[in-house]
N, C-alpha and C. Protein backbone atom coordinates (compact mmCIF):
# COMPACT_ATOMS: atom_id res chain seq x y z
N MET A 1 -2.25 15.42 -27.82
CA MET A 1 -2.34 16.52 -26.85
C MET A 1 -2.36 15.95 -25.42
N ILE A 2 -1.48 16.46 -24.57
CA ILE A 2 -1.44 16.05 -23.17
C ILE A 2 -2.29 17.03 -22.36
N THR A 3 -3.31 16.52 -21.69
CA THR A 3 -4.18 17.40 -20.89
C THR A 3 -3.67 17.47 -19.45
N LEU A 4 -3.74 18.68 -18.89
CA LEU A 4 -3.17 18.93 -17.57
C LEU A 4 -4.20 19.56 -16.63
N TYR A 5 -3.97 19.35 -15.33
CA TYR A 5 -4.74 20.06 -14.31
C TYR A 5 -3.74 20.61 -13.31
N LEU A 6 -3.93 21.84 -12.89
CA LEU A 6 -2.98 22.51 -12.02
C LEU A 6 -3.62 22.90 -10.69
N ALA A 7 -3.04 22.45 -9.59
CA ALA A 7 -3.53 22.84 -8.26
C ALA A 7 -2.41 23.57 -7.53
N GLU A 8 -2.61 24.85 -7.33
CA GLU A 8 -1.58 25.71 -6.73
C GLU A 8 -2.28 26.85 -6.01
N ASP A 9 -2.00 27.03 -4.71
CA ASP A 9 -2.76 28.02 -3.95
C ASP A 9 -2.28 29.46 -4.12
N GLN A 10 -1.15 29.66 -4.78
CA GLN A 10 -0.70 31.03 -5.06
C GLN A 10 -1.19 31.42 -6.46
N SER A 11 -2.14 32.33 -6.52
CA SER A 11 -2.81 32.63 -7.79
C SER A 11 -1.86 33.16 -8.86
N MET A 12 -0.88 33.97 -8.47
CA MET A 12 0.06 34.52 -9.46
C MET A 12 0.89 33.40 -10.09
N LEU A 13 1.36 32.49 -9.26
CA LEU A 13 2.17 31.38 -9.76
C LEU A 13 1.32 30.46 -10.63
N SER A 14 0.09 30.22 -10.21
CA SER A 14 -0.82 29.37 -10.98
C SER A 14 -1.07 29.96 -12.36
N SER A 15 -1.33 31.26 -12.40
CA SER A 15 -1.59 31.95 -13.66
C SER A 15 -0.37 31.91 -14.57
N ALA A 16 0.80 32.17 -13.99
CA ALA A 16 2.04 32.18 -14.78
C ALA A 16 2.34 30.79 -15.34
N LEU A 17 2.15 29.77 -14.50
CA LEU A 17 2.40 28.39 -14.94
C LEU A 17 1.44 27.97 -16.05
N THR A 18 0.19 28.35 -15.88
CA THR A 18 -0.82 28.00 -16.90
C THR A 18 -0.43 28.61 -18.25
N GLN A 19 -0.07 29.90 -18.24
CA GLN A 19 0.33 30.57 -19.49
C GLN A 19 1.55 29.92 -20.11
N LEU A 20 2.51 29.55 -19.26
CA LEU A 20 3.75 28.93 -19.72
C LEU A 20 3.46 27.58 -20.37
N LEU A 21 2.63 26.77 -19.73
CA LEU A 21 2.32 25.43 -20.24
C LEU A 21 1.51 25.51 -21.53
N GLU A 22 0.62 26.51 -21.63
CA GLU A 22 -0.22 26.65 -22.82
C GLU A 22 0.58 27.09 -24.05
N LEU A 23 1.79 27.60 -23.84
CA LEU A 23 2.65 27.97 -24.97
C LEU A 23 3.15 26.76 -25.74
N GLU A 24 3.13 25.59 -25.08
CA GLU A 24 3.60 24.36 -25.72
C GLU A 24 2.49 23.77 -26.60
N ASP A 25 2.85 23.38 -27.83
CA ASP A 25 1.86 22.89 -28.78
C ASP A 25 1.15 21.62 -28.32
N ASP A 26 1.86 20.80 -27.53
CA ASP A 26 1.29 19.49 -27.16
C ASP A 26 0.70 19.46 -25.75
N LEU A 27 0.62 20.63 -25.08
CA LEU A 27 0.09 20.68 -23.72
C LEU A 27 -1.15 21.56 -23.65
N HIS A 28 -2.14 21.12 -22.86
CA HIS A 28 -3.35 21.93 -22.69
C HIS A 28 -3.83 21.82 -21.24
N VAL A 29 -3.99 22.98 -20.58
CA VAL A 29 -4.45 23.02 -19.19
C VAL A 29 -5.99 23.03 -19.18
N LEU A 30 -6.59 21.95 -18.65
CA LEU A 30 -8.05 21.84 -18.61
C LEU A 30 -8.67 22.70 -17.51
N GLY A 31 -7.91 22.90 -16.43
CA GLY A 31 -8.45 23.67 -15.32
C GLY A 31 -7.44 23.83 -14.21
N SER A 32 -7.80 24.64 -13.21
CA SER A 32 -6.90 24.85 -12.08
C SER A 32 -7.72 25.15 -10.83
N ALA A 33 -7.08 24.96 -9.68
CA ALA A 33 -7.74 25.26 -8.40
C ALA A 33 -6.71 25.76 -7.41
N GLN A 34 -7.20 26.46 -6.38
CA GLN A 34 -6.31 26.97 -5.34
C GLN A 34 -6.51 26.25 -4.02
N ASP A 35 -7.34 25.20 -4.05
CA ASP A 35 -7.45 24.36 -2.85
C ASP A 35 -7.60 22.90 -3.29
N GLY A 36 -7.18 22.00 -2.41
CA GLY A 36 -7.12 20.59 -2.77
C GLY A 36 -8.48 19.94 -3.00
N ARG A 37 -9.49 20.35 -2.24
CA ARG A 37 -10.81 19.72 -2.38
C ARG A 37 -11.41 20.01 -3.75
N THR A 38 -11.33 21.28 -4.17
CA THR A 38 -11.83 21.64 -5.51
C THR A 38 -11.03 20.90 -6.58
N ALA A 39 -9.73 20.84 -6.37
CA ALA A 39 -8.87 20.14 -7.35
C ALA A 39 -9.32 18.69 -7.50
N TRP A 40 -9.53 18.00 -6.39
CA TRP A 40 -9.91 16.59 -6.44
C TRP A 40 -11.26 16.41 -7.13
N GLN A 41 -12.22 17.28 -6.83
CA GLN A 41 -13.54 17.19 -7.46
C GLN A 41 -13.43 17.36 -8.98
N GLN A 42 -12.63 18.34 -9.40
CA GLN A 42 -12.52 18.62 -10.84
C GLN A 42 -11.68 17.57 -11.56
N ILE A 43 -10.67 17.03 -10.89
CA ILE A 43 -9.85 15.97 -11.50
C ILE A 43 -10.72 14.75 -11.79
N GLN A 44 -11.64 14.42 -10.88
CA GLN A 44 -12.55 13.29 -11.11
C GLN A 44 -13.42 13.53 -12.34
N MET A 45 -13.84 14.77 -12.55
CA MET A 45 -14.71 15.10 -13.68
C MET A 45 -13.93 15.20 -14.99
N LEU A 46 -12.80 15.92 -14.95
CA LEU A 46 -12.07 16.25 -16.17
C LEU A 46 -11.13 15.13 -16.63
N LYS A 47 -10.69 14.29 -15.67
CA LYS A 47 -9.78 13.18 -15.96
C LYS A 47 -8.58 13.61 -16.83
N PRO A 48 -7.78 14.54 -16.33
CA PRO A 48 -6.60 14.99 -17.10
C PRO A 48 -5.56 13.87 -17.18
N ASP A 49 -4.68 13.97 -18.15
CA ASP A 49 -3.57 13.00 -18.26
C ASP A 49 -2.62 13.16 -17.08
N VAL A 50 -2.36 14.44 -16.71
CA VAL A 50 -1.40 14.72 -15.64
C VAL A 50 -1.97 15.80 -14.71
N ALA A 51 -1.88 15.55 -13.40
CA ALA A 51 -2.24 16.56 -12.40
C ALA A 51 -0.96 17.08 -11.76
N ILE A 52 -0.77 18.39 -11.81
CA ILE A 52 0.40 19.03 -11.20
C ILE A 52 -0.07 19.64 -9.89
N LEU A 53 0.42 19.10 -8.77
CA LEU A 53 -0.13 19.47 -7.46
C LEU A 53 0.91 20.09 -6.54
N ASP A 54 0.54 21.21 -5.93
CA ASP A 54 1.33 21.76 -4.83
C ASP A 54 1.00 20.91 -3.60
N ILE A 55 1.89 20.90 -2.60
CA ILE A 55 1.59 20.11 -1.40
C ILE A 55 0.70 20.87 -0.43
N GLU A 56 1.16 22.02 0.03
CA GLU A 56 0.44 22.74 1.08
C GLU A 56 -0.63 23.64 0.48
N MET A 57 -1.88 23.14 0.53
CA MET A 57 -3.03 23.89 0.04
C MET A 57 -4.15 23.80 1.07
N PRO A 58 -5.10 24.74 1.03
CA PRO A 58 -6.26 24.65 1.93
C PRO A 58 -7.12 23.43 1.60
N GLU A 59 -7.95 23.01 2.56
CA GLU A 59 -8.93 21.93 2.40
C GLU A 59 -8.30 20.54 2.32
N MET A 60 -7.48 20.30 1.29
CA MET A 60 -6.75 19.04 1.15
C MET A 60 -5.36 19.36 0.64
N THR A 61 -4.36 18.64 1.12
CA THR A 61 -3.01 18.85 0.59
C THR A 61 -2.88 18.14 -0.76
N GLY A 62 -1.84 18.51 -1.50
CA GLY A 62 -1.58 17.84 -2.77
C GLY A 62 -1.33 16.34 -2.59
N LEU A 63 -0.72 15.97 -1.47
CA LEU A 63 -0.46 14.55 -1.21
C LEU A 63 -1.75 13.80 -0.92
N GLU A 64 -2.69 14.45 -0.25
CA GLU A 64 -4.00 13.82 -0.01
C GLU A 64 -4.76 13.64 -1.32
N VAL A 65 -4.64 14.60 -2.21
CA VAL A 65 -5.25 14.47 -3.54
C VAL A 65 -4.59 13.31 -4.29
N ALA A 66 -3.27 13.21 -4.19
CA ALA A 66 -2.54 12.11 -4.85
C ALA A 66 -3.01 10.76 -4.30
N ASP A 67 -3.23 10.68 -2.98
CA ASP A 67 -3.75 9.45 -2.36
C ASP A 67 -5.11 9.08 -2.96
N GLN A 68 -5.98 10.09 -3.10
CA GLN A 68 -7.32 9.85 -3.65
C GLN A 68 -7.24 9.35 -5.09
N ILE A 69 -6.35 9.94 -5.87
CA ILE A 69 -6.17 9.53 -7.27
C ILE A 69 -5.71 8.07 -7.33
N GLN A 70 -4.77 7.72 -6.44
CA GLN A 70 -4.27 6.35 -6.40
C GLN A 70 -5.38 5.38 -5.95
N ASP A 71 -6.07 5.73 -4.86
CA ASP A 71 -7.11 4.85 -4.31
C ASP A 71 -8.25 4.64 -5.31
N SER A 72 -8.55 5.66 -6.10
CA SER A 72 -9.65 5.58 -7.07
C SER A 72 -9.20 4.95 -8.39
N GLN A 73 -7.91 4.66 -8.47
CA GLN A 73 -7.33 4.03 -9.67
C GLN A 73 -7.60 4.84 -10.95
N LEU A 74 -7.55 6.16 -10.81
CA LEU A 74 -7.66 7.01 -12.00
C LEU A 74 -6.38 6.88 -12.82
N ALA A 75 -6.51 7.06 -14.12
CA ALA A 75 -5.34 6.97 -15.00
C ALA A 75 -4.46 8.23 -14.91
N THR A 76 -4.97 9.28 -14.26
CA THR A 76 -4.24 10.54 -14.14
C THR A 76 -2.91 10.34 -13.41
N LYS A 77 -1.84 10.78 -14.04
CA LYS A 77 -0.52 10.72 -13.42
C LYS A 77 -0.31 11.99 -12.59
N VAL A 78 0.44 11.88 -11.51
CA VAL A 78 0.63 13.02 -10.60
C VAL A 78 2.07 13.49 -10.59
N ILE A 79 2.25 14.81 -10.74
CA ILE A 79 3.55 15.44 -10.52
C ILE A 79 3.37 16.40 -9.34
N ILE A 80 4.15 16.18 -8.29
CA ILE A 80 4.15 17.11 -7.15
C ILE A 80 5.15 18.22 -7.47
N LEU A 81 4.70 19.45 -7.34
CA LEU A 81 5.58 20.61 -7.57
C LEU A 81 5.54 21.45 -6.30
N THR A 82 6.65 21.49 -5.57
CA THR A 82 6.62 22.08 -4.23
C THR A 82 7.93 22.78 -3.87
N THR A 83 7.85 23.61 -2.85
CA THR A 83 9.07 24.24 -2.32
C THR A 83 9.68 23.37 -1.23
N PHE A 84 8.96 22.32 -0.83
CA PHE A 84 9.37 21.54 0.35
C PHE A 84 10.14 20.28 -0.03
N ALA A 85 11.39 20.20 0.43
CA ALA A 85 12.22 19.02 0.19
C ALA A 85 12.25 18.14 1.43
N GLN A 86 11.14 18.15 2.18
CA GLN A 86 11.10 17.39 3.43
C GLN A 86 10.97 15.89 3.17
N LYS A 87 11.72 15.13 3.96
CA LYS A 87 11.76 13.68 3.81
C LYS A 87 10.37 13.06 3.97
N ALA A 88 9.61 13.50 4.97
CA ALA A 88 8.28 12.91 5.23
C ALA A 88 7.34 13.12 4.04
N TYR A 89 7.39 14.32 3.44
CA TYR A 89 6.55 14.59 2.27
C TYR A 89 6.96 13.68 1.11
N PHE A 90 8.27 13.56 0.92
CA PHE A 90 8.76 12.74 -0.19
C PHE A 90 8.37 11.28 0.00
N GLU A 91 8.50 10.78 1.22
CA GLU A 91 8.13 9.39 1.51
C GLU A 91 6.64 9.16 1.22
N HIS A 92 5.82 10.13 1.62
CA HIS A 92 4.37 10.04 1.36
C HIS A 92 4.12 9.99 -0.15
N ALA A 93 4.82 10.85 -0.89
CA ALA A 93 4.66 10.90 -2.35
C ALA A 93 5.04 9.58 -2.99
N VAL A 94 6.13 8.97 -2.53
CA VAL A 94 6.57 7.68 -3.07
C VAL A 94 5.52 6.61 -2.81
N LYS A 95 4.97 6.61 -1.59
CA LYS A 95 3.92 5.62 -1.25
C LYS A 95 2.67 5.83 -2.12
N ALA A 96 2.38 7.08 -2.45
CA ALA A 96 1.22 7.38 -3.31
C ALA A 96 1.54 7.12 -4.78
N GLU A 97 2.77 6.66 -5.03
CA GLU A 97 3.22 6.32 -6.39
C GLU A 97 3.07 7.49 -7.37
N VAL A 98 3.43 8.69 -6.90
CA VAL A 98 3.41 9.83 -7.82
C VAL A 98 4.46 9.62 -8.90
N ALA A 99 4.18 10.16 -10.08
CA ALA A 99 5.09 9.95 -11.22
C ALA A 99 6.26 10.93 -11.21
N GLY A 100 6.10 12.05 -10.51
CA GLY A 100 7.17 13.03 -10.47
C GLY A 100 7.11 13.86 -9.20
N TYR A 101 8.27 14.30 -8.73
CA TYR A 101 8.33 15.16 -7.54
C TYR A 101 9.43 16.17 -7.82
N LEU A 102 9.02 17.39 -8.14
CA LEU A 102 9.97 18.45 -8.53
C LEU A 102 9.87 19.63 -7.58
N LEU A 103 10.97 20.33 -7.44
CA LEU A 103 10.99 21.51 -6.59
C LEU A 103 10.69 22.74 -7.43
N LYS A 104 10.02 23.72 -6.81
CA LYS A 104 9.58 24.91 -7.56
C LYS A 104 10.73 25.76 -8.07
N ASP A 105 11.92 25.60 -7.47
CA ASP A 105 13.04 26.39 -7.98
C ASP A 105 13.70 25.73 -9.20
N SER A 106 13.14 24.61 -9.66
CA SER A 106 13.65 23.98 -10.89
C SER A 106 13.29 24.86 -12.09
N PRO A 107 14.10 24.84 -13.15
CA PRO A 107 13.75 25.61 -14.35
C PRO A 107 12.42 25.12 -14.92
N SER A 108 11.66 26.05 -15.53
CA SER A 108 10.36 25.67 -16.08
C SER A 108 10.50 24.60 -17.17
N ASP A 109 11.62 24.62 -17.88
CA ASP A 109 11.86 23.60 -18.92
C ASP A 109 11.88 22.20 -18.31
N ASP A 110 12.33 22.10 -17.05
CA ASP A 110 12.37 20.79 -16.37
C ASP A 110 10.96 20.25 -16.17
N LEU A 111 10.03 21.13 -15.80
CA LEU A 111 8.65 20.71 -15.60
C LEU A 111 8.03 20.25 -16.92
N ILE A 112 8.25 21.02 -17.97
CA ILE A 112 7.70 20.67 -19.28
C ILE A 112 8.26 19.32 -19.76
N ALA A 113 9.58 19.15 -19.58
CA ALA A 113 10.20 17.88 -19.96
C ALA A 113 9.66 16.74 -19.10
N ALA A 114 9.46 17.01 -17.81
CA ALA A 114 8.95 15.99 -16.88
C ALA A 114 7.56 15.52 -17.30
N ILE A 115 6.71 16.45 -17.71
CA ILE A 115 5.35 16.09 -18.13
C ILE A 115 5.41 15.09 -19.28
N ARG A 116 6.25 15.38 -20.26
CA ARG A 116 6.34 14.50 -21.43
C ARG A 116 6.94 13.14 -21.06
N GLN A 117 7.94 13.16 -20.16
CA GLN A 117 8.58 11.91 -19.76
C GLN A 117 7.65 11.05 -18.91
N VAL A 118 6.88 11.70 -18.04
CA VAL A 118 5.91 10.98 -17.22
C VAL A 118 4.86 10.31 -18.12
N MET A 119 4.44 11.00 -19.17
CA MET A 119 3.47 10.42 -20.11
C MET A 119 4.07 9.25 -20.89
N ALA A 120 5.40 9.22 -20.96
CA ALA A 120 6.09 8.11 -21.64
C ALA A 120 6.36 6.96 -20.68
N GLY A 121 5.86 7.10 -19.42
CA GLY A 121 5.99 5.99 -18.47
C GLY A 121 7.14 6.11 -17.50
N LYS A 122 7.84 7.22 -17.54
CA LYS A 122 9.00 7.38 -16.63
C LYS A 122 8.55 7.96 -15.28
N THR A 123 9.40 7.76 -14.27
CA THR A 123 9.19 8.35 -12.95
C THR A 123 10.36 9.30 -12.70
N LEU A 124 10.07 10.53 -12.28
CA LEU A 124 11.12 11.54 -12.12
C LEU A 124 11.08 12.17 -10.74
N TYR A 125 12.18 12.08 -10.02
CA TYR A 125 12.28 12.73 -8.72
C TYR A 125 13.48 13.67 -8.74
N ALA A 126 13.34 14.83 -8.12
CA ALA A 126 14.44 15.79 -8.03
C ALA A 126 15.64 15.10 -7.36
N PRO A 127 16.83 15.20 -7.97
CA PRO A 127 18.02 14.52 -7.43
C PRO A 127 18.27 14.81 -5.95
N ALA A 128 18.03 16.06 -5.51
CA ALA A 128 18.27 16.41 -4.11
C ALA A 128 17.42 15.57 -3.17
N LEU A 129 16.22 15.24 -3.62
CA LEU A 129 15.31 14.44 -2.80
C LEU A 129 15.78 13.00 -2.72
N VAL A 130 16.28 12.49 -3.83
CA VAL A 130 16.79 11.11 -3.86
C VAL A 130 17.96 10.96 -2.88
N VAL A 131 18.86 11.94 -2.90
CA VAL A 131 20.02 11.92 -2.00
C VAL A 131 19.56 11.93 -0.54
N ASN A 132 18.59 12.81 -0.22
CA ASN A 132 18.06 12.88 1.15
C ASN A 132 17.43 11.55 1.56
N MET A 133 16.71 10.97 0.63
CA MET A 133 15.99 9.73 0.92
C MET A 133 16.97 8.60 1.20
N LEU A 134 17.98 8.48 0.35
CA LEU A 134 18.93 7.38 0.51
C LEU A 134 19.77 7.54 1.77
N SER A 135 20.14 8.79 2.07
CA SER A 135 20.97 9.01 3.25
C SER A 135 20.18 8.72 4.53
N ALA A 136 18.87 8.73 4.41
CA ALA A 136 18.03 8.45 5.59
C ALA A 136 17.79 6.94 5.76
N ASP A 137 18.38 6.15 4.86
CA ASP A 137 18.28 4.68 4.96
C ASP A 137 16.85 4.16 4.92
N SER A 138 15.94 4.90 4.32
CA SER A 138 14.58 4.37 4.20
C SER A 138 14.37 3.91 2.77
N ASN A 139 13.68 2.83 2.62
CA ASN A 139 13.52 2.20 1.32
C ASN A 139 12.47 2.92 0.46
N PRO A 140 12.85 3.52 -0.67
CA PRO A 140 11.89 4.24 -1.50
C PRO A 140 11.15 3.33 -2.48
N LEU A 141 11.52 2.04 -2.52
CA LEU A 141 10.95 1.15 -3.53
C LEU A 141 9.67 0.47 -3.04
N SER A 142 8.71 0.35 -3.95
CA SER A 142 7.47 -0.35 -3.63
C SER A 142 7.74 -1.86 -3.64
N LYS A 143 6.78 -2.63 -3.13
CA LYS A 143 6.93 -4.10 -3.10
C LYS A 143 7.12 -4.66 -4.51
N ARG A 144 6.36 -4.14 -5.46
CA ARG A 144 6.45 -4.62 -6.84
C ARG A 144 7.81 -4.27 -7.46
N GLU A 145 8.30 -3.06 -7.15
CA GLU A 145 9.63 -2.67 -7.67
C GLU A 145 10.72 -3.56 -7.08
N LEU A 146 10.59 -3.91 -5.80
CA LEU A 146 11.56 -4.82 -5.18
C LEU A 146 11.51 -6.20 -5.82
N ALA A 147 10.29 -6.65 -6.15
CA ALA A 147 10.14 -7.96 -6.80
C ALA A 147 10.83 -7.96 -8.16
N VAL A 148 10.66 -6.86 -8.91
CA VAL A 148 11.32 -6.73 -10.22
C VAL A 148 12.84 -6.73 -10.06
N LEU A 149 13.31 -5.99 -9.06
CA LEU A 149 14.76 -5.90 -8.82
C LEU A 149 15.33 -7.24 -8.39
N LYS A 150 14.56 -7.99 -7.63
CA LYS A 150 15.00 -9.31 -7.17
C LYS A 150 15.21 -10.24 -8.37
N GLU A 151 14.28 -10.18 -9.31
CA GLU A 151 14.42 -10.99 -10.53
C GLU A 151 15.59 -10.49 -11.38
N ALA A 152 15.75 -9.15 -11.43
CA ALA A 152 16.85 -8.57 -12.21
C ALA A 152 18.21 -9.01 -11.65
N ASP A 153 18.25 -9.21 -10.33
CA ASP A 153 19.49 -9.65 -9.67
C ASP A 153 19.92 -11.03 -10.15
N LYS A 154 18.99 -11.82 -10.67
CA LYS A 154 19.31 -13.16 -11.18
C LYS A 154 19.93 -13.09 -12.57
N GLY A 155 19.99 -11.86 -13.11
CA GLY A 155 20.56 -11.69 -14.45
C GLY A 155 19.58 -12.02 -15.57
N GLU A 156 18.30 -12.11 -15.20
CA GLU A 156 17.27 -12.47 -16.19
C GLU A 156 16.99 -11.30 -17.15
N PRO A 157 16.74 -11.59 -18.43
CA PRO A 157 16.33 -10.51 -19.35
C PRO A 157 14.92 -10.04 -19.01
N THR A 158 14.54 -8.91 -19.56
CA THR A 158 13.24 -8.30 -19.27
C THR A 158 12.09 -9.27 -19.51
N LYS A 159 12.17 -10.03 -20.61
CA LYS A 159 11.09 -10.96 -20.96
C LYS A 159 10.89 -12.02 -19.87
N GLU A 160 12.01 -12.52 -19.33
CA GLU A 160 11.93 -13.54 -18.28
C GLU A 160 11.38 -12.96 -16.98
N ILE A 161 11.80 -11.72 -16.66
CA ILE A 161 11.28 -11.05 -15.45
C ILE A 161 9.77 -10.88 -15.59
N ALA A 162 9.33 -10.44 -16.77
CA ALA A 162 7.90 -10.23 -17.03
C ALA A 162 7.12 -11.53 -16.84
N ALA A 163 7.66 -12.63 -17.38
CA ALA A 163 6.98 -13.93 -17.28
C ALA A 163 6.89 -14.38 -15.81
N ALA A 164 7.98 -14.18 -15.07
CA ALA A 164 8.03 -14.63 -13.67
C ALA A 164 7.03 -13.88 -12.80
N LEU A 165 6.80 -12.60 -13.13
CA LEU A 165 5.93 -11.76 -12.30
C LEU A 165 4.55 -11.52 -12.93
N TYR A 166 4.28 -12.22 -14.05
CA TYR A 166 3.00 -12.07 -14.76
C TYR A 166 2.74 -10.63 -15.16
N LEU A 167 3.77 -9.99 -15.70
CA LEU A 167 3.66 -8.61 -16.17
C LEU A 167 4.02 -8.56 -17.65
N SER A 168 3.74 -7.42 -18.29
CA SER A 168 4.17 -7.24 -19.68
C SER A 168 5.60 -6.71 -19.70
N ASP A 169 6.26 -6.88 -20.84
CA ASP A 169 7.63 -6.35 -20.99
C ASP A 169 7.66 -4.86 -20.70
N GLY A 170 6.67 -4.13 -21.26
CA GLY A 170 6.63 -2.68 -21.10
C GLY A 170 6.48 -2.27 -19.64
N THR A 171 5.66 -3.01 -18.90
CA THR A 171 5.46 -2.71 -17.48
C THR A 171 6.75 -2.92 -16.70
N VAL A 172 7.46 -4.00 -17.02
CA VAL A 172 8.74 -4.26 -16.34
C VAL A 172 9.73 -3.15 -16.65
N ARG A 173 9.77 -2.71 -17.91
CA ARG A 173 10.69 -1.61 -18.28
C ARG A 173 10.33 -0.33 -17.52
N ASN A 174 9.03 -0.07 -17.35
CA ASN A 174 8.60 1.11 -16.60
C ASN A 174 9.00 1.01 -15.13
N TYR A 175 8.87 -0.20 -14.55
CA TYR A 175 9.28 -0.40 -13.16
C TYR A 175 10.79 -0.18 -13.02
N LEU A 176 11.56 -0.70 -13.96
CA LEU A 176 13.01 -0.53 -13.91
C LEU A 176 13.39 0.95 -14.03
N SER A 177 12.69 1.66 -14.91
CA SER A 177 12.94 3.10 -15.07
C SER A 177 12.65 3.84 -13.77
N ALA A 178 11.54 3.47 -13.10
CA ALA A 178 11.18 4.10 -11.82
C ALA A 178 12.23 3.80 -10.76
N ILE A 179 12.72 2.55 -10.74
CA ILE A 179 13.75 2.14 -9.77
C ILE A 179 15.02 2.96 -9.98
N PHE A 180 15.45 3.09 -11.24
CA PHE A 180 16.68 3.85 -11.53
C PHE A 180 16.53 5.30 -11.09
N SER A 181 15.34 5.88 -11.35
CA SER A 181 15.09 7.28 -10.98
C SER A 181 15.11 7.45 -9.47
N LYS A 182 14.43 6.55 -8.75
CA LYS A 182 14.35 6.66 -7.29
C LYS A 182 15.72 6.49 -6.64
N LEU A 183 16.55 5.62 -7.21
CA LEU A 183 17.86 5.34 -6.59
C LEU A 183 18.98 6.20 -7.16
N GLY A 184 18.67 6.97 -8.20
CA GLY A 184 19.69 7.83 -8.80
C GLY A 184 20.78 7.04 -9.49
N VAL A 185 20.41 5.90 -10.13
CA VAL A 185 21.38 5.05 -10.81
C VAL A 185 21.04 4.95 -12.29
N HIS A 186 21.92 4.26 -13.05
CA HIS A 186 21.74 4.23 -14.50
C HIS A 186 21.47 2.84 -15.06
N ASN A 187 21.68 1.80 -14.26
CA ASN A 187 21.45 0.45 -14.79
C ASN A 187 21.07 -0.52 -13.67
N ARG A 188 20.76 -1.75 -14.07
CA ARG A 188 20.29 -2.76 -13.11
C ARG A 188 21.35 -3.11 -12.07
N LEU A 189 22.58 -3.25 -12.54
CA LEU A 189 23.67 -3.63 -11.63
C LEU A 189 23.83 -2.61 -10.51
N GLU A 190 23.82 -1.33 -10.88
CA GLU A 190 23.95 -0.26 -9.87
C GLU A 190 22.75 -0.29 -8.92
N ALA A 191 21.55 -0.51 -9.46
CA ALA A 191 20.34 -0.55 -8.64
C ALA A 191 20.41 -1.69 -7.63
N VAL A 192 20.83 -2.86 -8.09
CA VAL A 192 20.95 -4.03 -7.21
C VAL A 192 21.98 -3.75 -6.12
N ASN A 193 23.10 -3.14 -6.50
CA ASN A 193 24.15 -2.83 -5.52
C ASN A 193 23.65 -1.89 -4.42
N VAL A 194 22.93 -0.83 -4.82
CA VAL A 194 22.39 0.12 -3.84
C VAL A 194 21.41 -0.60 -2.91
N ALA A 195 20.53 -1.42 -3.51
CA ALA A 195 19.53 -2.14 -2.71
C ALA A 195 20.18 -3.10 -1.71
N LYS A 196 21.23 -3.76 -2.16
CA LYS A 196 21.93 -4.70 -1.25
C LYS A 196 22.70 -3.98 -0.16
N GLN A 197 23.33 -2.87 -0.53
CA GLN A 197 24.08 -2.09 0.48
C GLN A 197 23.15 -1.60 1.59
N ASN A 198 21.90 -1.27 1.22
CA ASN A 198 20.94 -0.78 2.19
C ASN A 198 20.09 -1.90 2.81
N LYS A 199 20.43 -3.16 2.41
CA LYS A 199 19.72 -4.35 2.92
C LYS A 199 18.22 -4.33 2.59
N TRP A 200 17.89 -3.80 1.40
CA TRP A 200 16.51 -3.85 0.94
C TRP A 200 16.26 -5.15 0.17
N LEU A 201 17.35 -5.74 -0.31
CA LEU A 201 17.24 -7.02 -1.03
C LEU A 201 17.91 -8.10 -0.21
């Protein structure tokens, strides 16, 4: 069972989302809030597997809650669900290492699929956001992701990359999956090419 926490300041949307998620056999909503401060307090107590956060909320924004989750090193994964495709918000979310960033006009099936994929270690960003990010020439990759990509550029297999960076094979695979998602590519070669074209490598 995947446990969820929902922070959304529009009560009708929050209620509808909760009912929708509870219809799934493997999903359970532990709680919800309409402001960021309450959400953060309850997330610390309930420790859900995934927190689904709106950005613009009273008291604390969803991104500030995501920062707190990251700083506190909670195991809770974060999916941002928002109407805002703004570059600054997306950059903040990437720095907070959120596991997913989806737009509210996405089909509900996309959110449900994203929850399961995030729990499997994947990182998912709405394609429109990736395009905006890349066209702005700002680097969406973390230092660790760049280090993984640098090793991948040498043509090393996953096991060798893991050994070089003192990581496990699974962690390296998760980093590569996140890199592919952020850059909108399908393999290492394409990822390296994008990084080199943008002078990130």
